[in-house]
Amino acid sequence: MGPKGDKGDKGDTGAIGPAGPPGPPGSADAWSRTGNAGTNPTGNFLGTTDAQPLVLRAANQPVLRLEAQASGTRIIGGRAHSLDPSSTNSAILSGRENTIEAAAHESVIAGGWTM
């Protein structure tokens, strides 16, 4: 057998094949970006069902973190804040680099900057 020759031009495009099967339906429990009606707070909520905090972001930066604890709730607004893990029922609502220490239960920092 002799050497192979040069490749020829492409042939015509073939006919379109049959459509594939439909994909799975979307989530029946999804939240609408334009609001929801008929919700019940015992079964319908935004949040987590494990021991992880709920973190809301804007411009891909954390702006609000909600943490549930056996003894209460912690609310942390903004970034670079520090709450001792043993502090309970505490909130840092805004500001920068604020700290709530272990002995500070049921404390609130509404804003400011610890320098």
PDB file of N, CA and C in Angstrom:
ATOM      1  N   MET A   1       0.845  -1.150   0.000  1.00  0.00           N
ATOM      2  CA  MET A   1       0.000   0.000   0.000  1.00  0.00           C
ATOM      3  C   MET A   1       0.902   1.228   0.000  1.00  0.00           C
ATOM      4  N   GLY A   2       0.514   2.246  -0.740  1.00  0.00           N
ATOM      5  CA  GLY A   2       1.320   3.449  -0.871  1.00  0.00           C
ATOM      6  C   GLY A   2       1.068   4.441   0.251  1.00  0.00           C
ATOM      7  N   PRO A   3       1.760   5.594   0.268  1.00  0.00           N
ATOM      8  CA  PRO A   3       1.573   6.621   1.299  1.00  0.00           C
ATOM      9  C   PRO A   3       0.183   7.239   1.201  1.00  0.00           C
ATOM     10  N   LYS A   4      -0.271   7.760   2.358  1.00  0.00           N
ATOM     11  CA  LYS A   4      -1.586   8.397   2.399  1.00  0.00           C
ATOM     12  C   LYS A   4      -1.524   9.720   1.657  1.00  0.00           C
ATOM     13  N   GLY A   5      -2.627  10.091   1.072  1.00  0.00           N
ATOM     14  CA  GLY A   5      -2.717  11.353   0.364  1.00  0.00           C
ATOM     15  C   GLY A   5      -3.152  12.487   1.284  1.00  0.00           C
ATOM     16  N   ASP A   6      -3.202  13.701   0.785  1.00  0.00           N
ATOM     17  CA  ASP A   6      -3.652  14.865   1.554  1.00  0.00           C
ATOM     18  C   ASP A   6      -5.135  14.741   1.875  1.00  0.00           C
ATOM     19  N   LYS A   7      -5.542  15.384   3.001  1.00  0.00           N
ATOM     20  CA  LYS A   7      -6.958  15.381   3.377  1.00  0.00           C
ATOM     21  C   LYS A   7      -7.715  16.284   2.428  1.00  0.00           C
ATOM     22  N   GLY A   8      -8.940  15.907   2.153  1.00  0.00           N
ATOM     23  CA  GLY A   8      -9.789  16.705   1.283  1.00  0.00           C
ATOM     24  C   GLY A   8     -10.568  17.754   2.069  1.00  0.00           C
ATOM     25  N   ASP A   9     -11.385  18.518   1.367  1.00  0.00           N
ATOM     26  CA  ASP A   9     -12.240  19.528   2.003  1.00  0.00           C
ATOM     27  C   ASP A   9     -13.298  18.840   2.861  1.00  0.00           C
ATOM     28  N   LYS A  10     -13.815  19.621   3.844  1.00  0.00           N
ATOM     29  CA  LYS A  10     -14.884  19.106   4.703  1.00  0.00           C
ATOM     30  C   LYS A  10     -16.133  18.867   3.882  1.00  0.00           C
ATOM     31  N   GLY A  11     -16.870  17.863   4.278  1.00  0.00           N
ATOM     32  CA  GLY A  11     -18.147  17.587   3.629  1.00  0.00           C
ATOM     33  C   GLY A  11     -19.245  18.467   4.194  1.00  0.00           C
ATOM     34  N   ASP A  12     -20.435  18.330   3.664  1.00  0.00           N
ATOM     35  CA  ASP A  12     -21.588  19.091   4.146  1.00  0.00           C
ATOM     36  C   ASP A  12     -21.957  18.654   5.563  1.00  0.00           C
ATOM     37  N   THR A  13     -22.551  19.588   6.318  1.00  0.00           N
ATOM     38  CA  THR A  13     -23.031  19.279   7.659  1.00  0.00           C
ATOM     39  C   THR A  13     -24.234  18.362   7.557  1.00  0.00           C
ATOM     40  N   GLY A  14     -24.289  17.380   8.435  1.00  0.00           N
ATOM     41  CA  GLY A  14     -25.396  16.433   8.428  1.00  0.00           C
ATOM     42  C   GLY A  14     -26.656  17.028   9.043  1.00  0.00           C
ATOM     43  N   ALA A  15     -27.722  16.280   8.969  1.00  0.00           N
ATOM     44  CA  ALA A  15     -29.014  16.715   9.526  1.00  0.00           C
ATOM     45  C   ALA A  15     -28.955  16.749  11.049  1.00  0.00           C
ATOM     46  N   ILE A  16     -29.811  17.571  11.666  1.00  0.00           N
ATOM     47  CA  ILE A  16     -29.894  17.651  13.125  1.00  0.00           C
ATOM     48  C   ILE A  16     -30.532  16.374  13.647  1.00  0.00           C
ATOM     49  N   GLY A  17     -29.953  15.823  14.702  1.00  0.00           N
ATOM     50  CA  GLY A  17     -30.458  14.594  15.296  1.00  0.00           C
ATOM     51  C   GLY A  17     -31.678  14.851  16.164  1.00  0.00           C
ATOM     52  N   PRO A  18     -32.265  13.791  16.692  1.00  0.00           N
ATOM     53  CA  PRO A  18     -33.456  13.943  17.539  1.00  0.00           C
ATOM     54  C   PRO A  18     -33.091  14.615  18.871  1.00  0.00           C
ATOM     55  N   ALA A  19     -34.075  15.269  19.476  1.00  0.00           N
ATOM     56  CA  ALA A  19     -33.876  15.926  20.767  1.00  0.00           C
ATOM     57  C   ALA A  19     -33.675  14.881  21.854  1.00  0.00           C
ATOM     58  N   GLY A  20     -32.838  15.195  22.818  1.00  0.00           N
ATOM     59  CA  GLY A  20     -32.611  14.297  23.943  1.00  0.00           C
ATOM     60  C   GLY A  20     -33.766  14.354  24.927  1.00  0.00           C
ATOM     61  N   PRO A  21     -33.717  13.512  25.951  1.00  0.00           N
ATOM     62  CA  PRO A  21     -34.799  13.512  26.948  1.00  0.00           C
ATOM     63  C   PRO A  21     -34.774  14.808  27.750  1.00  0.00           C
ATOM     64  N   PRO A  22     -35.925  15.231  28.292  1.00  0.00           N
ATOM     65  CA  PRO A  22     -35.952  16.455  29.094  1.00  0.00           C
ATOM     66  C   PRO A  22     -35.169  16.261  30.396  1.00  0.00           C
ATOM     67  N   GLY A  23     -34.619  17.347  30.913  1.00  0.00           N
ATOM     68  CA  GLY A  23     -33.894  17.307  32.175  1.00  0.00           C
ATOM     69  C   GLY A  23     -34.850  17.223  33.348  1.00  0.00           C
ATOM     70  N   PRO A  24     -34.293  17.052  34.542  1.00  0.00           N
ATOM     71  CA  PRO A  24     -35.158  16.965  35.722  1.00  0.00           C
ATOM     72  C   PRO A  24     -35.845  18.300  35.977  1.00  0.00           C
ATOM     73  N   PRO A  25     -37.021  18.271  36.583  1.00  0.00           N
ATOM     74  CA  PRO A  25     -37.720  19.530  36.872  1.00  0.00           C
ATOM     75  C   PRO A  25     -36.947  20.348  37.902  1.00  0.00           C
ATOM     76  N   GLY A  26     -37.203  21.637  37.923  1.00  0.00           N
ATOM     77  CA  GLY A  26     -36.588  22.507  38.924  1.00  0.00           C
ATOM     78  C   GLY A  26     -37.124  22.203  40.310  1.00  0.00           C
ATOM     79  N   SER A  27     -36.482  22.758  41.312  1.00  0.00           N
ATOM     80  CA  SER A  27     -36.873  22.512  42.687  1.00  0.00           C
ATOM     81  C   SER A  27     -38.264  23.082  42.954  1.00  0.00           C
ATOM     82  N   ALA A  28     -39.124  22.285  43.531  1.00  0.00           N
ATOM     83  CA  ALA A  28     -40.479  22.741  43.847  1.00  0.00           C
ATOM     84  C   ALA A  28     -40.489  23.656  45.068  1.00  0.00           C
ATOM     85  N   ASP A  29     -39.392  23.652  45.835  1.00  0.00           N
ATOM     86  CA  ASP A  29     -39.360  24.468  47.037  1.00  0.00           C
ATOM     87  C   ASP A  29     -38.428  25.674  46.901  1.00  0.00           C
ATOM     88  N   ALA A  30     -38.130  26.076  45.685  1.00  0.00           N
ATOM     89  CA  ALA A  30     -37.232  27.222  45.474  1.00  0.00           C
ATOM     90  C   ALA A  30     -37.925  28.522  45.855  1.00  0.00           C
ATOM     91  N   TRP A  31     -37.131  29.497  46.284  1.00  0.00           N
ATOM     92  CA  TRP A  31     -37.653  30.817  46.623  1.00  0.00           C
ATOM     93  C   TRP A  31     -37.571  31.695  45.399  1.00  0.00           C
ATOM     94  N   SER A  32     -38.611  32.453  45.168  1.00  0.00           N
ATOM     95  CA  SER A  32     -38.656  33.348  44.017  1.00  0.00           C
ATOM     96  C   SER A  32     -37.941  34.654  44.351  1.00  0.00           C
ATOM     97  N   ARG A  33     -37.231  35.207  43.364  1.00  0.00           N
ATOM     98  CA  ARG A  33     -36.580  36.502  43.562  1.00  0.00           C
ATOM     99  C   ARG A  33     -37.580  37.646  43.553  1.00  0.00           C
ATOM    100  N   THR A  34     -38.828  37.353  43.219  1.00  0.00           N
ATOM    101  CA  THR A  34     -39.857  38.399  43.196  1.00  0.00           C
ATOM    102  C   THR A  34     -40.878  38.217  44.312  1.00  0.00           C
ATOM    103  N   GLY A  35     -40.563  37.384  45.289  1.00  0.00           N
ATOM    104  CA  GLY A  35     -41.448  37.202  46.440  1.00  0.00           C
ATOM    105  C   GLY A  35     -42.177  35.866  46.397  1.00  0.00           C
ATOM    106  N   ASN A  36     -42.664  35.457  47.530  1.00  0.00           N
ATOM    107  CA  ASN A  36     -43.395  34.201  47.672  1.00  0.00           C
ATOM    108  C   ASN A  36     -44.677  34.451  48.455  1.00  0.00           C
ATOM    109  N   ALA A  37     -45.687  33.673  48.161  1.00  0.00           N
ATOM    110  CA  ALA A  37     -46.962  33.793  48.866  1.00  0.00           C
ATOM    111  C   ALA A  37     -47.282  32.448  49.505  1.00  0.00           C
ATOM    112  N   GLY A  38     -48.065  32.489  50.558  1.00  0.00           N
ATOM    113  CA  GLY A  38     -48.520  31.255  51.195  1.00  0.00           C
ATOM    114  C   GLY A  38     -47.448  30.531  51.980  1.00  0.00           C
ATOM    115  N   THR A  39     -46.433  31.221  52.447  1.00  0.00           N
ATOM    116  CA  THR A  39     -45.392  30.551  53.222  1.00  0.00           C
ATOM    117  C   THR A  39     -45.802  30.414  54.678  1.00  0.00           C
ATOM    118  N   ASN A  40     -45.213  29.438  55.341  1.00  0.00           N
ATOM    119  CA  ASN A  40     -45.469  29.178  56.750  1.00  0.00           C
ATOM    120  C   ASN A  40     -44.106  29.072  57.428  1.00  0.00           C
ATOM    121  N   PRO A  41     -43.811  29.898  58.436  1.00  0.00           N
ATOM    122  CA  PRO A  41     -42.472  29.910  59.024  1.00  0.00           C
ATOM    123  C   PRO A  41     -42.050  28.608  59.696  1.00  0.00           C
ATOM    124  N   THR A  42     -42.971  27.705  59.961  1.00  0.00           N
ATOM    125  CA  THR A  42     -42.561  26.429  60.549  1.00  0.00           C
ATOM    126  C   THR A  42     -41.923  25.506  59.524  1.00  0.00           C
ATOM    127  N   GLY A  43     -42.265  25.667  58.253  1.00  0.00           N
ATOM    128  CA  GLY A  43     -41.692  24.797  57.229  1.00  0.00           C
ATOM    129  C   GLY A  43     -40.995  25.531  56.105  1.00  0.00           C
ATOM    130  N   ASN A  44     -41.243  26.821  55.949  1.00  0.00           N
ATOM    131  CA  ASN A  44     -40.636  27.608  54.879  1.00  0.00           C
ATOM    132  C   ASN A  44     -39.723  28.656  55.494  1.00  0.00           C
ATOM    133  N   PHE A  45     -38.443  28.589  55.167  1.00  0.00           N
ATOM    134  CA  PHE A  45     -37.505  29.560  55.721  1.00  0.00           C
ATOM    135  C   PHE A  45     -36.266  29.613  54.843  1.00  0.00           C
ATOM    136  N   LEU A  46     -35.522  30.677  54.973  1.00  0.00           N
ATOM    137  CA  LEU A  46     -34.198  30.783  54.377  1.00  0.00           C
ATOM    138  C   LEU A  46     -33.208  30.527  55.496  1.00  0.00           C
ATOM    139  N   GLY A  47     -32.276  29.660  55.293  1.00  0.00           N
ATOM    140  CA  GLY A  47     -31.311  29.407  56.347  1.00  0.00           C
ATOM    141  C   GLY A  47     -30.648  28.061  56.196  1.00  0.00           C
ATOM    142  N   THR A  48     -29.994  27.629  57.255  1.00  0.00           N
ATOM    143  CA  THR A  48     -29.289  26.356  57.255  1.00  0.00           C
ATOM    144  C   THR A  48     -29.995  25.392  58.197  1.00  0.00           C
ATOM    145  N   THR A  49     -29.826  24.108  57.960  1.00  0.00           N
ATOM    146  CA  THR A  49     -30.426  23.101  58.838  1.00  0.00           C
ATOM    147  C   THR A  49     -29.355  22.314  59.581  1.00  0.00           C
ATOM    148  N   ASP A  50     -28.082  22.666  59.379  1.00  0.00           N
ATOM    149  CA  ASP A  50     -27.001  22.036  60.130  1.00  0.00           C
ATOM    150  C   ASP A  50     -26.411  23.065  61.097  1.00  0.00           C
ATOM    151  N   ALA A  51     -25.285  22.779  61.671  1.00  0.00           N
ATOM    152  CA  ALA A  51     -24.695  23.654  62.687  1.00  0.00           C
ATOM    153  C   ALA A  51     -23.854  24.781  62.075  1.00  0.00           C
ATOM    154  N   GLN A  52     -24.088  25.115  60.819  1.00  0.00           N
ATOM    155  CA  GLN A  52     -23.324  26.162  60.151  1.00  0.00           C
ATOM    156  C   GLN A  52     -24.067  27.496  60.211  1.00  0.00           C
ATOM    157  N   PRO A  53     -23.331  28.620  60.280  1.00  0.00           N
ATOM    158  CA  PRO A  53     -23.992  29.931  60.283  1.00  0.00           C
ATOM    159  C   PRO A  53     -24.574  30.251  58.904  1.00  0.00           C
ATOM    160  N   LEU A  54     -25.505  31.171  58.884  1.00  0.00           N
ATOM    161  CA  LEU A  54     -26.050  31.697  57.628  1.00  0.00           C
ATOM    162  C   LEU A  54     -25.271  32.968  57.321  1.00  0.00           C
ATOM    163  N   VAL A  55     -24.655  33.030  56.152  1.00  0.00           N
ATOM    164  CA  VAL A  55     -23.845  34.182  55.763  1.00  0.00           C
ATOM    165  C   VAL A  55     -24.473  34.826  54.531  1.00  0.00           C
ATOM    166  N   LEU A  56     -24.769  36.123  54.633  1.00  0.00           N
ATOM    167  CA  LEU A  56     -25.269  36.890  53.491  1.00  0.00           C
ATOM    168  C   LEU A  56     -24.113  37.710  52.947  1.00  0.00           C
ATOM    169  N   ARG A  57     -24.013  37.774  51.611  1.00  0.00           N
ATOM    170  CA  ARG A  57     -22.921  38.490  50.954  1.00  0.00           C
ATOM    171  C   ARG A  57     -23.467  39.562  50.031  1.00  0.00           C
ATOM    172  N   ALA A  58     -22.688  40.619  49.855  1.00  0.00           N
ATOM    173  CA  ALA A  58     -22.941  41.655  48.848  1.00  0.00           C
ATOM    174  C   ALA A  58     -21.594  41.941  48.204  1.00  0.00           C
ATOM    175  N   ALA A  59     -21.561  42.036  46.880  1.00  0.00           N
ATOM    176  CA  ALA A  59     -20.309  42.196  46.131  1.00  0.00           C
ATOM    177  C   ALA A  59     -19.313  41.099  46.531  1.00  0.00           C
ATOM    178  N   ASN A  60     -19.841  39.926  46.795  1.00  0.00           N
ATOM    179  CA  ASN A  60     -19.076  38.741  47.200  1.00  0.00           C
ATOM    180  C   ASN A  60     -18.282  38.951  48.487  1.00  0.00           C
ATOM    181  N   GLN A  61     -18.729  39.850  49.330  1.00  0.00           N
ATOM    182  CA  GLN A  61     -18.109  40.096  50.627  1.00  0.00           C
ATOM    183  C   GLN A  61     -19.134  39.782  51.716  1.00  0.00           C
ATOM    184  N   PRO A  62     -18.747  39.101  52.783  1.00  0.00           N
ATOM    185  CA  PRO A  62     -19.707  38.814  53.853  1.00  0.00           C
ATOM    186  C   PRO A  62     -20.156  40.103  54.528  1.00  0.00           C
ATOM    187  N   VAL A  63     -21.467  40.308  54.619  1.00  0.00           N
ATOM    188  CA  VAL A  63     -21.995  41.511  55.260  1.00  0.00           C
ATOM    189  C   VAL A  63     -22.861  41.201  56.480  1.00  0.00           C
ATOM    190  N   LEU A  64     -23.328  39.957  56.598  1.00  0.00           N
ATOM    191  CA  LEU A  64     -24.140  39.585  57.757  1.00  0.00           C
ATOM    192  C   LEU A  64     -23.981  38.092  58.010  1.00  0.00           C
ATOM    193  N   ARG A  65     -23.682  37.738  59.262  1.00  0.00           N
ATOM    194  CA  ARG A  65     -23.554  36.334  59.641  1.00  0.00           C
ATOM    195  C   ARG A  65     -24.466  36.099  60.838  1.00  0.00           C
ATOM    196  N   LEU A  66     -25.319  35.095  60.729  1.00  0.00           N
ATOM    197  CA  LEU A  66     -26.242  34.726  61.802  1.00  0.00           C
ATOM    198  C   LEU A  66     -25.832  33.353  62.324  1.00  0.00           C
ATOM    199  N   GLU A  67     -25.606  33.283  63.638  1.00  0.00           N
ATOM    200  CA  GLU A  67     -25.162  32.035  64.251  1.00  0.00           C
ATOM    201  C   GLU A  67     -26.133  31.628  65.347  1.00  0.00           C
ATOM    202  N   ALA A  68     -26.604  30.397  65.292  1.00  0.00           N
ATOM    203  CA  ALA A  68     -27.454  29.860  66.360  1.00  0.00           C
ATOM    204  C   ALA A  68     -26.565  29.138  67.356  1.00  0.00           C
ATOM    205  N   GLN A  69     -26.864  29.323  68.636  1.00  0.00           N
ATOM    206  CA  GLN A  69     -26.161  28.619  69.702  1.00  0.00           C
ATOM    207  C   GLN A  69     -27.208  28.005  70.614  1.00  0.00           C
ATOM    208  N   ALA A  70     -26.812  27.007  71.362  1.00  0.00           N
ATOM    209  CA  ALA A  70     -27.760  26.384  72.294  1.00  0.00           C
ATOM    210  C   ALA A  70     -28.294  27.410  73.280  1.00  0.00           C
ATOM    211  N   SER A  71     -27.474  28.397  73.622  1.00  0.00           N
ATOM    212  CA  SER A  71     -27.874  29.380  74.631  1.00  0.00           C
ATOM    213  C   SER A  71     -28.311  30.711  74.028  1.00  0.00           C
ATOM    214  N   GLY A  72     -28.452  30.804  72.720  1.00  0.00           N
ATOM    215  CA  GLY A  72     -28.882  32.073  72.140  1.00  0.00           C
ATOM    216  C   GLY A  72     -28.417  32.258  70.715  1.00  0.00           C
ATOM    217  N   THR A  73     -28.413  33.489  70.281  1.00  0.00           N
ATOM    218  CA  THR A  73     -28.092  33.827  68.904  1.00  0.00           C
ATOM    219  C   THR A  73     -26.984  34.865  68.873  1.00  0.00           C
ATOM    220  N   ARG A  74     -26.151  34.789  67.849  1.00  0.00           N
ATOM    221  CA  ARG A  74     -25.129  35.808  67.637  1.00  0.00           C
ATOM    222  C   ARG A  74     -25.344  36.398  66.249  1.00  0.00           C
ATOM    223  N   ILE A  75     -25.270  37.719  66.153  1.00  0.00           N
ATOM    224  CA  ILE A  75     -25.462  38.447  64.900  1.00  0.00           C
ATOM    225  C   ILE A  75     -24.204  39.259  64.652  1.00  0.00           C
ATOM    226  N   ILE A  76     -23.581  39.047  63.504  1.00  0.00           N
ATOM    227  CA  ILE A  76     -22.344  39.751  63.190  1.00  0.00           C
ATOM    228  C   ILE A  76     -22.523  40.448  61.845  1.00  0.00           C
ATOM    229  N   GLY A  77     -22.572  41.769  61.861  1.00  0.00           N
ATOM    230  CA  GLY A  77     -22.677  42.557  60.639  1.00  0.00           C
ATOM    231  C   GLY A  77     -21.314  43.095  60.258  1.00  0.00           C
ATOM    232  N   GLY A  78     -20.979  43.067  59.007  1.00  0.00           N
ATOM    233  CA  GLY A  78     -19.688  43.573  58.564  1.00  0.00           C
ATOM    234  C   GLY A  78     -18.635  42.478  58.548  1.00  0.00           C
ATOM    235  N   ARG A  79     -17.368  42.908  58.553  1.00  0.00           N
ATOM    236  CA  ARG A  79     -16.263  41.960  58.435  1.00  0.00           C
ATOM    237  C   ARG A  79     -15.197  42.243  59.490  1.00  0.00           C
ATOM    238  N   ALA A  80     -14.296  41.294  59.652  1.00  0.00           N
ATOM    239  CA  ALA A  80     -13.113  41.413  60.502  1.00  0.00           C
ATOM    240  C   ALA A  80     -13.477  41.650  61.962  1.00  0.00           C
ATOM    241  N   HIS A  81     -14.595  41.104  62.409  1.00  0.00           N
ATOM    242  CA  HIS A  81     -14.972  41.193  63.812  1.00  0.00           C
ATOM    243  C   HIS A  81     -14.571  39.903  64.517  1.00  0.00           C
ATOM    244  N   SER A  82     -14.474  39.960  65.829  1.00  0.00           N
ATOM    245  CA  SER A  82     -14.091  38.797  66.605  1.00  0.00           C
ATOM    246  C   SER A  82     -15.045  38.636  67.780  1.00  0.00           C
ATOM    247  N   LEU A  83     -15.692  37.481  67.849  1.00  0.00           N
ATOM    248  CA  LEU A  83     -16.549  37.149  68.988  1.00  0.00           C
ATOM    249  C   LEU A  83     -15.988  35.888  69.612  1.00  0.00           C
ATOM    250  N   ASP A  84     -15.733  35.938  70.893  1.00  0.00           N
ATOM    251  CA  ASP A  84     -15.263  34.750  71.588  1.00  0.00           C
ATOM    252  C   ASP A  84     -16.344  33.676  71.445  1.00  0.00           C
ATOM    253  N   PRO A  85     -15.960  32.433  71.171  1.00  0.00           N
ATOM    254  CA  PRO A  85     -16.959  31.378  70.981  1.00  0.00           C
ATOM    255  C   PRO A  85     -17.894  31.182  72.167  1.00  0.00           C
ATOM    256  N   SER A  86     -17.454  31.557  73.371  1.00  0.00           N
ATOM    257  CA  SER A  86     -18.309  31.361  74.538  1.00  0.00           C
ATOM    258  C   SER A  86     -19.252  32.537  74.793  1.00  0.00           C
ATOM    259  N   SER A  87     -19.101  33.646  74.063  1.00  0.00           N
ATOM    260  CA  SER A  87     -20.033  34.766  74.241  1.00  0.00           C
ATOM    261  C   SER A  87     -21.378  34.377  73.643  1.00  0.00           C
ATOM    262  N   THR A  88     -22.455  34.693  74.338  1.00  0.00           N
ATOM    263  CA  THR A  88     -23.788  34.299  73.880  1.00  0.00           C
ATOM    264  C   THR A  88     -24.691  35.515  73.760  1.00  0.00           C
ATOM    265  N   ASN A  89     -25.722  35.359  72.937  1.00  0.00           N
ATOM    266  CA  ASN A  89     -26.711  36.419  72.735  1.00  0.00           C
ATOM    267  C   ASN A  89     -26.038  37.762  72.494  1.00  0.00           C
ATOM    268  N   SER A  90     -25.066  37.785  71.606  1.00  0.00           N
ATOM    269  CA  SER A  90     -24.295  38.992  71.343  1.00  0.00           C
ATOM    270  C   SER A  90     -24.450  39.418  69.893  1.00  0.00           C
ATOM    271  N   ALA A  91     -24.199  40.712  69.651  1.00  0.00           N
ATOM    272  CA  ALA A  91     -24.322  41.235  68.290  1.00  0.00           C
ATOM    273  C   ALA A  91     -23.290  42.323  68.038  1.00  0.00           C
ATOM    274  N   ILE A  92     -22.655  42.257  66.883  1.00  0.00           N
ATOM    275  CA  ILE A  92     -21.851  43.351  66.350  1.00  0.00           C
ATOM    276  C   ILE A  92     -22.557  43.740  65.065  1.00  0.00           C
ATOM    277  N   LEU A  93     -23.112  44.932  65.027  1.00  0.00           N
ATOM    278  CA  LEU A  93     -23.988  45.301  63.923  1.00  0.00           C
ATOM    279  C   LEU A  93     -23.269  45.984  62.769  1.00  0.00           C
ATOM    280  N   SER A  94     -22.168  46.648  63.032  1.00  0.00           N
ATOM    281  CA  SER A  94     -21.468  47.364  61.977  1.00  0.00           C
ATOM    282  C   SER A  94     -20.077  47.701  62.475  1.00  0.00           C
ATOM    283  N   GLY A  95     -19.378  48.518  61.728  1.00  0.00           N
ATOM    284  CA  GLY A  95     -18.056  48.941  62.146  1.00  0.00           C
ATOM    285  C   GLY A  95     -16.975  48.038  61.596  1.00  0.00           C
ATOM    286  N   ARG A  96     -15.830  48.082  62.269  1.00  0.00           N
ATOM    287  CA  ARG A  96     -14.676  47.353  61.749  1.00  0.00           C
ATOM    288  C   ARG A  96     -13.791  46.883  62.894  1.00  0.00           C
ATOM    289  N   GLU A  97     -13.371  45.637  62.835  1.00  0.00           N
ATOM    290  CA  GLU A  97     -12.408  45.050  63.766  1.00  0.00           C
ATOM    291  C   GLU A  97     -12.815  45.193  65.231  1.00  0.00           C
ATOM    292  N   ASN A  98     -14.083  44.972  65.528  1.00  0.00           N
ATOM    293  CA  ASN A  98     -14.574  45.016  66.903  1.00  0.00           C
ATOM    294  C   ASN A  98     -14.489  43.630  67.532  1.00  0.00           C
ATOM    295  N   THR A  99     -14.430  43.585  68.858  1.00  0.00           N
ATOM    296  CA  THR A  99     -14.282  42.321  69.575  1.00  0.00           C
ATOM    297  C   THR A  99     -15.271  42.250  70.741  1.00  0.00           C
ATOM    298  N   ILE A 100     -15.920  41.100  70.868  1.00  0.00           N
ATOM    299  CA  ILE A 100     -16.698  40.784  72.068  1.00  0.00           C
ATOM    300  C   ILE A 100     -15.992  39.604  72.715  1.00  0.00           C
ATOM    301  N   GLU A 101     -15.604  39.763  73.983  1.00  0.00           N
ATOM    302  CA  GLU A 101     -14.801  38.764  74.670  1.00  0.00           C
ATOM    303  C   GLU A 101     -15.669  37.772  75.419  1.00  0.00           C
ATOM    304  N   ALA A 102     -15.019  36.765  75.999  1.00  0.00           N
ATOM    305  CA  ALA A 102     -15.719  35.634  76.625  1.00  0.00           C
ATOM    306  C   ALA A 102     -16.666  36.052  77.738  1.00  0.00           C
ATOM    307  N   ALA A 103     -16.275  37.003  78.541  1.00  0.00           N
ATOM    308  CA  ALA A 103     -17.113  37.386  79.681  1.00  0.00           C
ATOM    309  C   ALA A 103     -18.255  38.305  79.279  1.00  0.00           C
ATOM    310  N   ALA A 104     -18.326  38.681  78.033  1.00  0.00           N
ATOM    311  CA  ALA A 104     -19.318  39.664  77.580  1.00  0.00           C
ATOM    312  C   ALA A 104     -20.527  38.957  76.977  1.00  0.00           C
ATOM    313  N   HIS A 105     -21.424  38.485  77.822  1.00  0.00           N
ATOM    314  CA  HIS A 105     -22.650  37.851  77.349  1.00  0.00           C
ATOM    315  C   HIS A 105     -23.709  38.933  77.155  1.00  0.00           C
ATOM    316  N   GLU A 106     -24.598  38.691  76.196  1.00  0.00           N
ATOM    317  CA  GLU A 106     -25.697  39.612  75.898  1.00  0.00           C
ATOM    318  C   GLU A 106     -25.181  41.031  75.679  1.00  0.00           C
ATOM    319  N   SER A 107     -24.171  41.123  74.810  1.00  0.00           N
ATOM    320  CA  SER A 107     -23.530  42.394  74.500  1.00  0.00           C
ATOM    321  C   SER A 107     -23.849  42.829  73.081  1.00  0.00           C
ATOM    322  N   VAL A 108     -23.821  44.154  72.865  1.00  0.00           N
ATOM    323  CA  VAL A 108     -24.074  44.712  71.538  1.00  0.00           C
ATOM    324  C   VAL A 108     -23.033  45.782  71.247  1.00  0.00           C
ATOM    325  N   ILE A 109     -22.433  45.694  70.075  1.00  0.00           N
ATOM    326  CA  ILE A 109     -21.612  46.783  69.544  1.00  0.00           C
ATOM    327  C   ILE A 109     -22.340  47.253  68.294  1.00  0.00           C
ATOM    328  N   ALA A 110     -22.784  48.490  68.299  1.00  0.00           N
ATOM    329  CA  ALA A 110     -23.594  49.005  67.185  1.00  0.00           C
ATOM    330  C   ALA A 110     -22.746  49.560  66.057  1.00  0.00           C
ATOM    331  N   GLY A 111     -21.486  49.818  66.269  1.00  0.00           N
ATOM    332  CA  GLY A 111     -20.622  50.331  65.217  1.00  0.00           C
ATOM    333  C   GLY A 111     -19.301  50.761  65.790  1.00  0.00           C
ATOM    334  N   GLY A 112     -18.516  51.424  65.001  1.00  0.00           N
ATOM    335  CA  GLY A 112     -17.230  51.907  65.445  1.00  0.00           C
ATOM    336  C   GLY A 112     -16.099  51.062  64.933  1.00  0.00           C
ATOM    337  N   TRP A 113     -14.908  51.408  65.409  1.00  0.00           N
ATOM    338  CA  TRP A 113     -13.700  50.760  64.937  1.00  0.00           C
ATOM    339  C   TRP A 113     -12.737  50.648  66.081  1.00  0.00           C
ATOM    340  N   THR A 114     -12.350  49.423  66.412  1.00  0.00           N
ATOM    341  CA  THR A 114     -11.343  49.208  67.436  1.00  0.00           C
ATOM    342  C   THR A 114      -9.986  49.364  66.791  1.00  0.00           C
ATOM    343  N   MET A 115      -9.204  50.327  67.260  1.00  0.00           N
ATOM    344  CA  MET A 115      -7.888  50.561  66.658  1.00  0.00           C
ATOM    345  C   MET A 115      -6.793  50.040  67.542  1.00  0.00           C
TER     346      MET A 115
END
